[in-house]
């Protein structure tokens, strides 16, 4: 008898990442991201290679900066897909 071990996938969580400073026009104010960790969620927003990038004039580096943004786990993702689900963008 052969026993096969199946590993459960990493759970995915929903993270709300918001800026703590003043948001001007043509800048993103926050995101909701599906990711396995807050570090991965921040990277999804700030990585210049990813096609789901939605940053504005504020630049990418702000989204990895814990002193200028706040990342809060707000739920569990049940779809199994990672990525940016919502972008709060102040168009001007």
PDB file of N, CA and C in Angstrom:
ATOM      1  N   UNK A   1       0.838  -1.172   0.000  1.00  0.00           N
ATOM      2  CA  UNK A   1       0.000   0.000   0.000  1.00  0.00           C
ATOM      3  C   UNK A   1       0.888   1.241   0.000  1.00  0.00           C
ATOM      4  N   UNK A   2       0.603   2.161  -0.906  1.00  0.00           N
ATOM      5  CA  UNK A   2       1.360   3.400  -0.999  1.00  0.00           C
ATOM      6  C   UNK A   2       0.548   4.531  -0.372  1.00  0.00           C
ATOM      7  N   UNK A   3       1.195   5.259   0.513  1.00  0.00           N
ATOM      8  CA  UNK A   3       0.528   6.386   1.181  1.00  0.00           C
ATOM      9  C   UNK A   3       1.049   7.677   0.557  1.00  0.00           C
ATOM     10  N   UNK A   4       0.125   8.488   0.111  1.00  0.00           N
ATOM     11  CA  UNK A   4       0.498   9.757  -0.492  1.00  0.00           C
ATOM     12  C   UNK A   4       0.165  10.890   0.479  1.00  0.00           C
ATOM     13  N   UNK A   5       1.147  11.740   0.715  1.00  0.00           N
ATOM     14  CA  UNK A   5       0.957  12.873   1.611  1.00  0.00           C
ATOM     15  C   UNK A   5       0.585  14.093   0.771  1.00  0.00           C
ATOM     16  N   UNK A   6      -0.532  14.670   1.095  1.00  0.00           N
ATOM     17  CA  UNK A   6      -1.000  15.866   0.401  1.00  0.00           C
ATOM     18  C   UNK A   6      -0.904  17.034   1.368  1.00  0.00           C
ATOM     19  N   UNK A   7      -0.173  18.040   0.951  1.00  0.00           N
ATOM     20  CA  UNK A   7      -0.022  19.221   1.804  1.00  0.00           C
ATOM     21  C   UNK A   7      -1.130  20.221   1.516  1.00  0.00           C
ATOM     22  N   UNK A   8      -1.663  20.745   2.570  1.00  0.00           N
ATOM     23  CA  UNK A   8      -2.711  21.757   2.428  1.00  0.00           C
ATOM     24  C   UNK A   8      -2.081  23.054   1.933  1.00  0.00           C
ATOM     25  N   UNK A   9      -2.763  23.779   1.065  1.00  0.00           N
ATOM     26  CA  UNK A   9      -2.223  25.061   0.603  1.00  0.00           C
ATOM     27  C   UNK A   9      -2.198  26.070   1.744  1.00  0.00           C
ATOM     28  N   UNK A  10      -1.294  27.030   1.622  1.00  0.00           N
ATOM     29  CA  UNK A  10      -1.232  28.086   2.628  1.00  0.00           C
ATOM     30  C   UNK A  10      -2.552  28.849   2.629  1.00  0.00           C
ATOM     31  N   UNK A  11      -3.052  29.178   3.805  1.00  0.00           N
ATOM     32  CA  UNK A  11      -4.293  29.969   3.825  1.00  0.00           C
ATOM     33  C   UNK A  11      -4.028  31.377   3.297  1.00  0.00           C
ATOM     34  N   UNK A  12      -5.025  31.942   2.663  1.00  0.00           N
ATOM     35  CA  UNK A  12      -4.927  33.303   2.163  1.00  0.00           C
ATOM     36  C   UNK A  12      -5.813  34.209   3.004  1.00  0.00           C
ATOM     37  N   UNK A  13      -5.315  35.380   3.248  1.00  0.00           N
ATOM     38  CA  UNK A  13      -6.039  36.348   4.062  1.00  0.00           C
ATOM     39  C   UNK A  13      -6.288  37.615   3.255  1.00  0.00           C
ATOM     40  N   UNK A  14      -7.246  38.390   3.708  1.00  0.00           N
ATOM     41  CA  UNK A  14      -7.524  39.692   3.116  1.00  0.00           C
ATOM     42  C   UNK A  14      -6.870  40.754   3.986  1.00  0.00           C
ATOM     43  N   UNK A  15      -6.097  41.623   3.347  1.00  0.00           N
ATOM     44  CA  UNK A  15      -5.407  42.696   4.062  1.00  0.00           C
ATOM     45  C   UNK A  15      -5.865  44.041   3.527  1.00  0.00           C
ATOM     46  N   UNK A  16      -6.122  44.956   4.451  1.00  0.00           N
ATOM     47  CA  UNK A  16      -6.400  46.348   4.113  1.00  0.00           C
ATOM     48  C   UNK A  16      -5.116  47.119   4.370  1.00  0.00           C
ATOM     49  N   UNK A  17      -4.591  47.743   3.331  1.00  0.00           N
ATOM     50  CA  UNK A  17      -3.366  48.531   3.461  1.00  0.00           C
ATOM     51  C   UNK A  17      -3.718  49.967   3.099  1.00  0.00           C
ATOM     52  N   UNK A  18      -3.522  50.873   4.050  1.00  0.00           N
ATOM     53  CA  UNK A  18      -3.897  52.273   3.858  1.00  0.00           C
ATOM     54  C   UNK A  18      -2.737  53.196   4.199  1.00  0.00           C
ATOM     55  N   UNK A  19      -2.733  54.339   3.567  1.00  0.00           N
ATOM     56  CA  UNK A  19      -1.728  55.360   3.855  1.00  0.00           C
ATOM     57  C   UNK A  19      -2.108  56.113   5.113  1.00  0.00           C
ATOM     58  N   UNK A  20      -1.092  56.552   5.829  1.00  0.00           N
ATOM     59  CA  UNK A  20      -1.302  57.308   7.057  1.00  0.00           C
ATOM     60  C   UNK A  20      -1.102  58.806   6.850  1.00  0.00           C
ATOM     61  N   UNK A  21      -0.628  59.195   5.680  1.00  0.00           N
ATOM     62  CA  UNK A  21      -0.379  60.606   5.395  1.00  0.00           C
ATOM     63  C   UNK A  21      -1.511  61.184   4.552  1.00  0.00           C
ATOM     64  N   UNK A  22      -1.377  62.427   4.177  1.00  0.00           N
ATOM     65  CA  UNK A  22      -2.369  63.108   3.344  1.00  0.00           C
ATOM     66  C   UNK A  22      -2.294  62.579   1.908  1.00  0.00           C
ATOM     67  N   UNK A  23      -3.439  62.297   1.313  1.00  0.00           N
ATOM     68  CA  UNK A  23      -3.505  61.771  -0.051  1.00  0.00           C
ATOM     69  C   UNK A  23      -3.893  62.900  -1.000  1.00  0.00           C
ATOM     70  N   UNK A  24      -3.059  63.109  -2.006  1.00  0.00           N
ATOM     71  CA  UNK A  24      -3.315  64.127  -3.025  1.00  0.00           C
ATOM     72  C   UNK A  24      -4.042  63.492  -4.210  1.00  0.00           C
ATOM     73  N   UNK A  25      -4.354  64.311  -5.219  1.00  0.00           N
ATOM     74  CA  UNK A  25      -4.961  63.798  -6.443  1.00  0.00           C
ATOM     75  C   UNK A  25      -3.967  62.924  -7.197  1.00  0.00           C
ATOM     76  N   UNK A  26      -4.483  61.944  -7.922  1.00  0.00           N
ATOM     77  CA  UNK A  26      -3.689  60.985  -8.701  1.00  0.00           C
ATOM     78  C   UNK A  26      -2.781  60.129  -7.832  1.00  0.00           C
ATOM     79  N   UNK A  27      -3.248  59.821  -6.633  1.00  0.00           N
ATOM     80  CA  UNK A  27      -2.525  58.952  -5.718  1.00  0.00           C
ATOM     81  C   UNK A  27      -3.465  57.896  -5.157  1.00  0.00           C
ATOM     82  N   UNK A  28      -2.907  56.732  -4.853  1.00  0.00           N
ATOM     83  CA  UNK A  28      -3.688  55.670  -4.208  1.00  0.00           C
ATOM     84  C   UNK A  28      -3.715  55.919  -2.706  1.00  0.00           C
ATOM     85  N   UNK A  29      -4.890  55.719  -2.108  1.00  0.00           N
ATOM     86  CA  UNK A  29      -5.049  55.900  -0.663  1.00  0.00           C
ATOM     87  C   UNK A  29      -5.006  54.573   0.079  1.00  0.00           C
ATOM     88  N   UNK A  30      -5.343  53.473  -0.617  1.00  0.00           N
ATOM     89  CA  UNK A  30      -5.343  52.179   0.044  1.00  0.00           C
ATOM     90  C   UNK A  30      -5.705  51.055  -0.906  1.00  0.00           C
ATOM     91  N   UNK A  31      -5.535  49.838  -0.395  1.00  0.00           N
ATOM     92  CA  UNK A  31      -5.794  48.629  -1.182  1.00  0.00           C
ATOM     93  C   UNK A  31      -6.385  47.547  -0.295  1.00  0.00           C
ATOM     94  N   UNK A  32      -7.151  46.653  -0.903  1.00  0.00           N
ATOM     95  CA  UNK A  32      -7.518  45.384  -0.276  1.00  0.00           C
ATOM     96  C   UNK A  32      -6.835  44.316  -1.125  1.00  0.00           C
ATOM     97  N   UNK A  33      -6.058  43.461  -0.442  1.00  0.00           N
ATOM     98  CA  UNK A  33      -5.219  42.482  -1.142  1.00  0.00           C
ATOM     99  C   UNK A  33      -5.450  41.100  -0.554  1.00  0.00           C
ATOM    100  N   UNK A  34      -5.502  40.093  -1.406  1.00  0.00           N
ATOM    101  CA  UNK A  34      -5.562  38.693  -0.983  1.00  0.00           C
ATOM    102  C   UNK A  34      -4.142  38.137  -1.061  1.00  0.00           C
ATOM    103  N   UNK A  35      -3.607  37.687   0.098  1.00  0.00           N
ATOM    104  CA  UNK A  35      -2.221  37.217   0.153  1.00  0.00           C
ATOM    105  C   UNK A  35      -2.023  36.313   1.364  1.00  0.00           C
ATOM    106  N   UNK A  36      -0.949  35.505   1.362  1.00  0.00           N
ATOM    107  CA  UNK A  36      -0.689  34.632   2.503  1.00  0.00           C
ATOM    108  C   UNK A  36      -0.093  35.354   3.708  1.00  0.00           C
ATOM    109  N   UNK A  37       0.466  36.563   3.504  1.00  0.00           N
ATOM    110  CA  UNK A  37       1.082  37.302   4.608  1.00  0.00           C
ATOM    111  C   UNK A  37       1.037  38.794   4.321  1.00  0.00           C
ATOM    112  N   UNK A  38       1.192  39.630   5.352  1.00  0.00           N
ATOM    113  CA  UNK A  38       1.206  41.078   5.116  1.00  0.00           C
ATOM    114  C   UNK A  38       2.412  41.517   4.280  1.00  0.00           C
ATOM    115  N   UNK A  39       3.531  40.826   4.427  1.00  0.00           N
ATOM    116  CA  UNK A  39       4.713  41.170   3.635  1.00  0.00           C
ATOM    117  C   UNK A  39       4.440  40.929   2.154  1.00  0.00           C
ATOM    118  N   UNK A  40       3.818  39.799   1.839  1.00  0.00           N
ATOM    119  CA  UNK A  40       3.469  39.484   0.448  1.00  0.00           C
ATOM    120  C   UNK A  40       2.442  40.476  -0.084  1.00  0.00           C
ATOM    121  N   UNK A  41       1.493  40.861   0.741  1.00  0.00           N
ATOM    122  CA  UNK A  41       0.475  41.835   0.315  1.00  0.00           C
ATOM    123  C   UNK A  41       1.130  43.158  -0.053  1.00  0.00           C
ATOM    124  N   UNK A  42       2.063  43.619   0.770  1.00  0.00           N
ATOM    125  CA  UNK A  42       2.767  44.871   0.474  1.00  0.00           C
ATOM    126  C   UNK A  42       3.589  44.753  -0.810  1.00  0.00           C
ATOM    127  N   UNK A  43       4.210  43.607  -1.007  1.00  0.00           N
ATOM    128  CA  UNK A  43       5.018  43.401  -2.218  1.00  0.00           C
ATOM    129  C   UNK A  43       4.159  43.402  -3.477  1.00  0.00           C
ATOM    130  N   UNK A  44       2.944  42.865  -3.387  1.00  0.00           N
ATOM    131  CA  UNK A  44       2.062  42.841  -4.553  1.00  0.00           C
ATOM    132  C   UNK A  44       1.743  44.245  -5.041  1.00  0.00           C
ATOM    133  N   UNK A  45       1.647  45.171  -4.123  1.00  0.00           N
ATOM    134  CA  UNK A  45       1.342  46.550  -4.500  1.00  0.00           C
ATOM    135  C   UNK A  45       2.585  47.264  -5.010  1.00  0.00           C
ATOM    136  N   UNK A  46       3.719  47.028  -4.373  1.00  0.00           N
ATOM    137  CA  UNK A  46       4.912  47.817  -4.668  1.00  0.00           C
ATOM    138  C   UNK A  46       5.837  47.211  -5.713  1.00  0.00           C
ATOM    139  N   UNK A  47       5.592  45.994  -6.163  1.00  0.00           N
ATOM    140  CA  UNK A  47       6.467  45.337  -7.139  1.00  0.00           C
ATOM    141  C   UNK A  47       6.240  45.918  -8.531  1.00  0.00           C
ATOM    142  N   UNK A  48       7.274  46.494  -9.155  1.00  0.00           N
ATOM    143  CA  UNK A  48       7.085  47.122 -10.472  1.00  0.00           C
ATOM    144  C   UNK A  48       6.848  46.130 -11.609  1.00  0.00           C
ATOM    145  N   UNK A  49       7.100  44.851 -11.382  1.00  0.00           N
ATOM    146  CA  UNK A  49       6.952  43.853 -12.444  1.00  0.00           C
ATOM    147  C   UNK A  49       5.523  43.321 -12.536  1.00  0.00           C
ATOM    148  N   UNK A  50       4.792  43.384 -11.436  1.00  0.00           N
ATOM    149  CA  UNK A  50       3.451  42.785 -11.402  1.00  0.00           C
ATOM    150  C   UNK A  50       2.471  43.567 -12.272  1.00  0.00           C
ATOM    151  N   UNK A  51       1.631  42.843 -13.024  1.00  0.00           N
ATOM    152  CA  UNK A  51       0.664  43.514 -13.890  1.00  0.00           C
ATOM    153  C   UNK A  51      -0.491  44.164 -13.131  1.00  0.00           C
ATOM    154  N   UNK A  52      -0.701  43.774 -11.855  1.00  0.00           N
ATOM    155  CA  UNK A  52      -1.835  44.350 -11.122  1.00  0.00           C
ATOM    156  C   UNK A  52      -1.425  45.589 -10.321  1.00  0.00           C
ATOM    157  N   UNK A  53      -0.324  46.196 -10.721  1.00  0.00           N
ATOM    158  CA  UNK A  53       0.136  47.406 -10.032  1.00  0.00           C
ATOM    159  C   UNK A  53      -0.861  48.533 -10.263  1.00  0.00           C
ATOM    160  N   UNK A  54      -1.161  49.260  -9.227  1.00  0.00           N
ATOM    161  CA  UNK A  54      -2.130  50.339  -9.341  1.00  0.00           C
ATOM    162  C   UNK A  54      -1.720  51.548  -8.528  1.00  0.00           C
ATOM    163  N   UNK A  55      -0.425  51.746  -8.370  1.00  0.00           N
ATOM    164  CA  UNK A  55       0.033  52.899  -7.612  1.00  0.00           C
ATOM    165  C   UNK A  55      -0.053  54.137  -8.479  1.00  0.00           C
ATOM    166  N   UNK A  56      -0.074  55.272  -7.829  1.00  0.00           N
ATOM    167  CA  UNK A  56      -0.146  56.535  -8.541  1.00  0.00           C
ATOM    168  C   UNK A  56       1.112  57.353  -8.329  1.00  0.00           C
ATOM    169  N   UNK A  57       0.918  58.657  -8.217  1.00  0.00           N
ATOM    170  CA  UNK A  57       2.047  59.576  -8.064  1.00  0.00           C
ATOM    171  C   UNK A  57       2.781  59.422  -6.736  1.00  0.00           C
ATOM    172  N   UNK A  58       2.190  58.701  -5.782  1.00  0.00           N
ATOM    173  CA  UNK A  58       2.849  58.521  -4.484  1.00  0.00           C
ATOM    174  C   UNK A  58       4.074  57.612  -4.572  1.00  0.00           C
ATOM    175  N   UNK A  59       4.166  56.822  -5.636  1.00  0.00           N
ATOM    176  CA  UNK A  59       5.310  55.929  -5.832  1.00  0.00           C
ATOM    177  C   UNK A  59       5.110  54.582  -5.153  1.00  0.00           C
ATOM    178  N   UNK A  60       5.967  53.659  -5.462  1.00  0.00           N
ATOM    179  CA  UNK A  60       5.853  52.292  -4.947  1.00  0.00           C
ATOM    180  C   UNK A  60       6.412  52.102  -3.548  1.00  0.00           C
ATOM    181  N   UNK A  61       7.486  52.826  -3.238  1.00  0.00           N
ATOM    182  CA  UNK A  61       8.191  52.582  -1.982  1.00  0.00           C
ATOM    183  C   UNK A  61       7.341  52.845  -0.742  1.00  0.00           C
ATOM    184  N   UNK A  62       6.361  53.703  -0.833  1.00  0.00           N
ATOM    185  CA  UNK A  62       5.524  54.010   0.331  1.00  0.00           C
ATOM    186  C   UNK A  62       4.771  52.777   0.841  1.00  0.00           C
ATOM    187  N   UNK A  63       4.416  51.854  -0.057  1.00  0.00           N
ATOM    188  CA  UNK A  63       3.585  50.710   0.327  1.00  0.00           C
ATOM    189  C   UNK A  63       4.342  49.649   1.113  1.00  0.00           C
ATOM    190  N   UNK A  64       5.669  49.716   1.118  1.00  0.00           N
ATOM    191  CA  UNK A  64       6.473  48.814   1.963  1.00  0.00           C
ATOM    192  C   UNK A  64       6.886  49.477   3.271  1.00  0.00           C
ATOM    193  N   UNK A  65       6.648  50.770   3.385  1.00  0.00           N
ATOM    194  CA  UNK A  65       7.079  51.538   4.550  1.00  0.00           C
ATOM    195  C   UNK A  65       6.031  51.453   5.667  1.00  0.00           C
ATOM    196  N   UNK A  66       6.386  50.790   6.752  1.00  0.00           N
ATOM    197  CA  UNK A  66       5.445  50.598   7.874  1.00  0.00           C
ATOM    198  C   UNK A  66       5.190  51.871   8.671  1.00  0.00           C
ATOM    199  N   UNK A  67       6.010  52.891   8.499  1.00  0.00           N
ATOM    200  CA  UNK A  67       5.785  54.154   9.206  1.00  0.00           C
ATOM    201  C   UNK A  67       4.835  55.058   8.438  1.00  0.00           C
ATOM    202  N   UNK A  68       4.639  54.790   7.151  1.00  0.00           N
ATOM    203  CA  UNK A  68       3.773  55.628   6.322  1.00  0.00           C
ATOM    204  C   UNK A  68       2.489  54.940   5.888  1.00  0.00           C
ATOM    205  N   UNK A  69       2.387  53.623   6.151  1.00  0.00           N
ATOM    206  CA  UNK A  69       1.182  52.863   5.816  1.00  0.00           C
ATOM    207  C   UNK A  69       0.849  51.901   6.950  1.00  0.00           C
ATOM    208  N   UNK A  70      -0.393  51.462   6.957  1.00  0.00           N
ATOM    209  CA  UNK A  70      -0.854  50.500   7.961  1.00  0.00           C
ATOM    210  C   UNK A  70      -1.459  49.304   7.230  1.00  0.00           C
ATOM    211  N   UNK A  71      -1.116  48.092   7.689  1.00  0.00           N
ATOM    212  CA  UNK A  71      -1.626  46.867   7.083  1.00  0.00           C
ATOM    213  C   UNK A  71      -2.378  46.073   8.148  1.00  0.00           C
ATOM    214  N   UNK A  72      -3.663  45.804   7.893  1.00  0.00           N
ATOM    215  CA  UNK A  72      -4.516  45.124   8.858  1.00  0.00           C
ATOM    216  C   UNK A  72      -5.176  43.920   8.193  1.00  0.00           C
ATOM    217  N   UNK A  73      -5.138  42.775   8.860  1.00  0.00           N
ATOM    218  CA  UNK A  73      -5.836  41.591   8.361  1.00  0.00           C
ATOM    219  C   UNK A  73      -7.323  41.787   8.622  1.00  0.00           C
ATOM    220  N   UNK A  74      -8.139  41.706   7.562  1.00  0.00           N
ATOM    221  CA  UNK A  74      -9.567  41.977   7.719  1.00  0.00           C
ATOM    222  C   UNK A  74     -10.444  40.764   7.443  1.00  0.00           C
ATOM    223  N   UNK A  75      -9.841  39.660   6.998  1.00  0.00           N
ATOM    224  CA  UNK A  75     -10.659  38.487   6.718  1.00  0.00           C
ATOM    225  C   UNK A  75      -9.864  37.356   6.108  1.00  0.00           C
ATOM    226  N   UNK A  76     -10.593  36.327   5.701  1.00  0.00           N
ATOM    227  CA  UNK A  76     -10.005  35.148   5.068  1.00  0.00           C
ATOM    228  C   UNK A  76     -10.491  35.080   3.630  1.00  0.00           C
ATOM    229  N   UNK A  77      -9.577  34.794   2.706  1.00  0.00           N
ATOM    230  CA  UNK A  77      -9.938  34.666   1.295  1.00  0.00           C
ATOM    231  C   UNK A  77     -10.312  33.221   1.012  1.00  0.00           C
ATOM    232  N   UNK A  78     -11.470  33.004   0.462  1.00  0.00           N
ATOM    233  CA  UNK A  78     -11.938  31.644   0.192  1.00  0.00           C
ATOM    234  C   UNK A  78     -11.817  31.246  -1.283  1.00  0.00           C
ATOM    235  N   UNK A  79     -11.383  32.169  -2.146  1.00  0.00           N
ATOM    236  CA  UNK A  79     -11.279  31.857  -3.571  1.00  0.00           C
ATOM    237  C   UNK A  79      -9.991  31.133  -3.917  1.00  0.00           C
ATOM    238  N   UNK A  80      -8.970  31.277  -3.089  1.00  0.00           N
ATOM    239  CA  UNK A  80      -7.684  30.656  -3.375  1.00  0.00           C
ATOM    240  C   UNK A  80      -6.813  31.444  -4.332  1.00  0.00           C
ATOM    241  N   UNK A  81      -7.245  32.634  -4.715  1.00  0.00           N
ATOM    242  CA  UNK A  81      -6.473  33.465  -5.643  1.00  0.00           C
ATOM    243  C   UNK A  81      -5.874  34.651  -4.923  1.00  0.00           C
ATOM    244  N   UNK A  82      -4.619  34.966  -5.273  1.00  0.00           N
ATOM    245  CA  UNK A  82      -3.955  36.125  -4.679  1.00  0.00           C
ATOM    246  C   UNK A  82      -4.051  37.307  -5.623  1.00  0.00           C
ATOM    247  N   UNK A  83      -3.920  38.509  -5.073  1.00  0.00           N
ATOM    248  CA  UNK A  83      -3.891  39.706  -5.903  1.00  0.00           C
ATOM    249  C   UNK A  83      -4.596  40.877  -5.263  1.00  0.00           C
ATOM    250  N   UNK A  84      -4.532  41.989  -5.959  1.00  0.00           N
ATOM    251  CA  UNK A  84      -5.200  43.213  -5.524  1.00  0.00           C
ATOM    252  C   UNK A  84      -6.674  43.095  -5.876  1.00  0.00           C
ATOM    253  N   UNK A  85      -7.534  43.230  -4.875  1.00  0.00           N
ATOM    254  CA  UNK A  85      -8.985  43.119  -5.093  1.00  0.00           C
ATOM    255  C   UNK A  85      -9.652  44.478  -5.241  1.00  0.00           C
ATOM    256  N   UNK A  86      -9.086  45.471  -4.559  1.00  0.00           N
ATOM    257  CA  UNK A  86      -9.709  46.794  -4.558  1.00  0.00           C
ATOM    258  C   UNK A  86      -8.630  47.852  -4.381  1.00  0.00           C
ATOM    259  N   UNK A  87      -8.744  48.934  -5.126  1.00  0.00           N
ATOM    260  CA  UNK A  87      -7.820  50.055  -5.005  1.00  0.00           C
ATOM    261  C   UNK A  87      -8.640  51.325  -4.769  1.00  0.00           C
ATOM    262  N   UNK A  88      -8.318  52.036  -3.695  1.00  0.00           N
ATOM    263  CA  UNK A  88      -8.931  53.323  -3.409  1.00  0.00           C
ATOM    264  C   UNK A  88      -8.013  54.379  -4.013  1.00  0.00           C
ATOM    265  N   UNK A  89      -8.391  54.884  -5.193  1.00  0.00           N
ATOM    266  CA  UNK A  89      -7.531  55.812  -5.936  1.00  0.00           C
ATOM    267  C   UNK A  89      -8.228  57.148  -6.055  1.00  0.00           C
ATOM    268  N   UNK A  90      -7.520  58.209  -5.712  1.00  0.00           N
ATOM    269  CA  UNK A  90      -8.075  59.559  -5.786  1.00  0.00           C
ATOM    270  C   UNK A  90      -7.693  60.192  -7.125  1.00  0.00           C
ATOM    271  N   UNK A  91      -8.531  59.997  -8.113  1.00  0.00           N
ATOM    272  CA  UNK A  91      -8.253  60.536  -9.445  1.00  0.00           C
ATOM    273  C   UNK A  91      -8.524  62.036  -9.463  1.00  0.00           C
ATOM    274  N   UNK A  92      -7.729  62.744 -10.214  1.00  0.00           N
ATOM    275  CA  UNK A  92      -7.918  64.191 -10.238  1.00  0.00           C
ATOM    276  C   UNK A  92      -7.643  64.801 -11.510  1.00  0.00           C
TER     277      UNK A  92
END
